[in-house]
Protein backbone atom coordinates (compact mmCIF):
# COMPACT_ATOMS: atom_id res chain seq x y z
CA MET A 1 22.37 41.69 -42.97
CA GLY A 2 20.90 38.19 -43.00
CA ALA A 3 18.96 36.35 -40.35
CA THR A 4 22.05 34.48 -39.20
CA ALA A 5 23.93 37.65 -38.35
CA ASP A 6 21.43 38.53 -35.59
CA LYS A 7 21.98 35.28 -33.69
CA PRO A 8 25.16 34.73 -31.68
CA VAL A 9 27.25 31.82 -32.81
CA ALA A 10 27.91 29.21 -30.15
CA HIS A 11 31.43 27.86 -30.20
CA ASP A 12 31.53 24.26 -29.04
CA ALA A 13 34.66 22.44 -28.00
CA HIS A 14 33.36 19.20 -29.50
CA SER A 15 34.44 17.93 -32.85
CA PRO A 16 31.91 18.30 -35.69
CA HIS A 17 31.12 14.56 -35.57
CA GLU A 18 30.53 14.37 -31.78
CA ALA A 19 27.09 15.20 -30.36
CA PRO A 20 27.07 17.84 -27.62
CA THR A 21 26.40 16.48 -24.14
CA THR A 22 24.65 17.92 -21.13
CA PRO A 23 26.01 17.66 -17.55
CA VAL A 24 23.39 14.98 -16.83
CA MET A 25 24.54 12.93 -19.81
CA GLN A 26 28.16 13.34 -18.75
CA ALA A 27 27.36 12.18 -15.20
CA ALA A 28 25.47 9.18 -16.55
CA SER A 29 28.40 8.19 -18.73
CA ARG A 30 30.70 8.33 -15.67
CA ALA A 31 28.31 6.21 -13.56
CA PRO A 32 29.82 2.88 -12.55
CA ARG A 33 28.62 -0.15 -14.44
CA PRO A 34 26.66 -2.66 -12.39
CA THR A 35 28.89 -5.39 -11.09
CA ALA A 36 27.90 -9.02 -10.71
CA ALA A 37 27.47 -8.58 -6.95
CA ARG A 38 25.20 -5.56 -7.43
CA LEU A 39 23.18 -7.43 -10.06
CA ALA A 40 22.85 -10.45 -7.75
CA GLY A 41 21.72 -8.16 -4.94
CA ARG A 42 19.05 -6.63 -7.16
CA VAL A 43 17.83 -10.04 -8.29
CA ALA A 44 17.67 -11.24 -4.66
CA PHE A 45 15.77 -8.08 -3.69
CA TYR A 46 13.18 -8.51 -6.43
CA LEU A 47 12.81 -12.21 -5.61
CA LEU A 48 12.15 -11.25 -1.99
CA VAL A 49 9.61 -8.61 -3.07
CA GLY A 50 7.92 -11.22 -5.28
CA ALA A 51 7.78 -13.74 -2.44
CA VAL A 52 6.26 -11.16 -0.06
CA LEU A 53 3.75 -10.19 -2.76
CA VAL A 54 2.69 -13.80 -3.28
CA TYR A 55 2.52 -14.32 0.50
CA THR A 56 0.29 -11.26 0.81
CA ILE A 57 -2.01 -11.85 -2.15
CA PHE A 58 -2.45 -15.64 -1.89
CA PRO A 59 -5.04 -15.59 0.95
CA PHE A 60 -7.27 -13.26 -1.07
CA PHE A 61 -6.85 -15.47 -4.13
CA TRP A 62 -7.70 -18.59 -2.09
CA ALA A 63 -10.77 -16.91 -0.58
CA PHE A 64 -11.98 -16.01 -4.08
CA LEU A 65 -11.39 -19.55 -5.35
CA SER A 66 -13.24 -20.94 -2.34
CA SER A 67 -16.16 -18.63 -3.04
CA ILE A 68 -16.64 -19.96 -6.58
CA LYS A 69 -16.32 -23.65 -5.66
CA PRO A 70 -19.47 -25.70 -5.16
CA ASN A 71 -19.94 -27.16 -1.67
CA ASN A 72 -18.98 -30.70 -2.68
CA GLU A 73 -15.60 -29.47 -4.00
CA LEU A 74 -14.90 -27.17 -1.08
CA PHE A 75 -14.06 -29.92 1.42
CA ALA A 76 -12.92 -32.59 -1.02
CA THR A 77 -9.65 -34.42 -0.45
CA PRO A 78 -7.17 -34.22 -2.01
CA THR A 79 -7.41 -30.45 -2.28
CA ARG A 80 -7.97 -29.12 -5.75
CA TYR A 81 -6.45 -25.74 -6.35
CA TRP A 82 -8.79 -24.80 -9.17
CA PRO A 83 -12.53 -25.60 -9.13
CA GLU A 84 -13.70 -28.14 -11.72
CA HIS A 85 -17.15 -26.57 -11.92
CA PRO A 86 -16.94 -22.89 -10.89
CA THR A 87 -20.23 -21.36 -9.84
CA LEU A 88 -21.59 -18.04 -8.64
CA ASP A 89 -24.39 -19.67 -6.63
CA ASN A 90 -22.68 -18.82 -3.34
CA TYR A 91 -22.82 -15.11 -4.21
CA ARG A 92 -26.47 -15.41 -5.27
CA ILE A 93 -27.40 -17.10 -1.98
CA VAL A 94 -25.62 -14.47 0.12
CA LEU A 95 -26.99 -11.49 -1.81
CA GLU A 96 -30.55 -12.81 -1.64
CA ASN A 97 -30.35 -13.05 2.15
CA ASP A 98 -31.96 -9.95 3.68
CA ASN A 99 -30.03 -10.35 6.94
CA PHE A 100 -26.72 -10.13 5.09
CA LEU A 101 -27.76 -7.01 3.19
CA MET A 102 -28.93 -5.36 6.43
CA ALA A 103 -25.64 -6.28 8.16
CA LEU A 104 -23.69 -4.96 5.17
CA ARG A 105 -25.63 -1.67 5.27
CA ASN A 106 -25.10 -1.34 9.05
CA SER A 107 -21.39 -2.02 8.67
CA ALA A 108 -21.10 0.61 5.96
CA VAL A 109 -22.93 3.21 8.08
CA VAL A 110 -20.73 2.50 11.12
CA ALA A 111 -17.50 2.49 9.06
CA ILE A 112 -18.32 5.76 7.29
CA SER A 113 -19.42 7.55 10.45
CA VAL A 114 -16.44 6.37 12.53
CA THR A 115 -14.01 7.29 9.75
CA THR A 116 -15.56 10.74 9.34
CA LEU A 117 -15.52 11.40 13.09
CA SER A 118 -11.93 10.16 13.45
CA LEU A 119 -10.75 12.32 10.56
CA ALA A 120 -12.50 15.40 11.96
CA LEU A 121 -11.07 14.96 15.46
CA GLY A 122 -7.64 14.01 14.12
CA LEU A 123 -7.60 17.07 11.85
CA LEU A 124 -8.46 19.43 14.71
CA ALA A 125 -5.89 17.80 17.02
CA ALA A 126 -3.16 17.82 14.38
CA TYR A 127 -3.81 21.48 13.59
CA SER A 128 -3.69 22.53 17.22
CA LEU A 129 -0.57 20.45 17.97
CA GLY A 130 1.22 21.73 14.90
CA ARG A 131 0.18 25.37 15.08
CA PHE A 132 -0.04 26.36 18.74
CA ARG A 133 2.53 26.28 21.53
CA PHE A 134 1.10 25.36 24.92
CA ARG A 135 2.15 23.70 28.16
CA GLY A 136 2.03 19.89 27.86
CA ARG A 137 2.35 19.91 24.07
CA SER A 138 5.51 17.79 24.13
CA LEU A 139 3.88 15.27 26.46
CA VAL A 140 0.92 14.92 24.10
CA LEU A 141 3.18 14.54 21.06
CA TYR A 142 5.32 11.89 22.78
CA THR A 143 2.18 10.06 23.91
CA VAL A 144 0.87 10.01 20.33
CA LEU A 145 4.26 8.80 19.12
CA ALA A 146 4.36 6.03 21.74
CA MET A 147 0.83 4.93 20.86
CA THR A 148 1.64 4.69 17.16
CA MET A 149 4.82 2.73 17.85
CA PHE A 150 2.98 0.23 20.06
CA PRO A 151 1.43 -2.61 18.00
CA GLN A 152 -2.36 -2.60 18.21
CA ILE A 153 -2.60 -6.39 18.57
CA ALA A 154 -0.75 -6.15 21.89
CA VAL A 155 -3.72 -4.27 23.36
CA LEU A 156 -6.16 -7.01 22.40
CA GLY A 157 -5.93 -8.93 25.70
CA ALA A 158 -6.61 -5.86 27.82
CA LEU A 159 -9.38 -4.77 25.45
CA PHE A 160 -11.01 -8.18 25.74
CA GLN A 161 -10.86 -8.01 29.52
CA MET A 162 -12.36 -4.53 29.51
CA VAL A 163 -15.23 -5.50 27.15
CA ASN A 164 -15.79 -8.77 29.01
CA TYR A 165 -16.09 -6.87 32.30
CA PHE A 166 -18.98 -4.79 30.96
């Protein structure tokens, strides 16, 4: 017997000229074609996403452009959106200042230590709230939920009063 006799022959209902299809390919061929309204909705969505992206990124772009402008161009009127003579002197001046480097180092130490401490405490609290059942667990979970739903900027007035009192 030959090698082809050992293999079962698959009988396909398709004609010899038609390629076999999978269920995924069949579902895709039955998918509705995008209508003009759906296409307009997608275009409007991506235009909105683009506008939000520009709105979000533009302040960073403007801060960078302001950092490479010389001082005489920074406050010139009318406003020029691109510097005529870009310079890195502002970066050189800041990085040569020892006070700035010390403040940068202090900020990094505080940020790293606070982040590490917050992650450690948050990890322990999340594990205990998720793993153990105890009296008051629901109250703690609802309190955490309420605190995350409350915008942080709304606390700023009370926080200022509290810091100002001390």
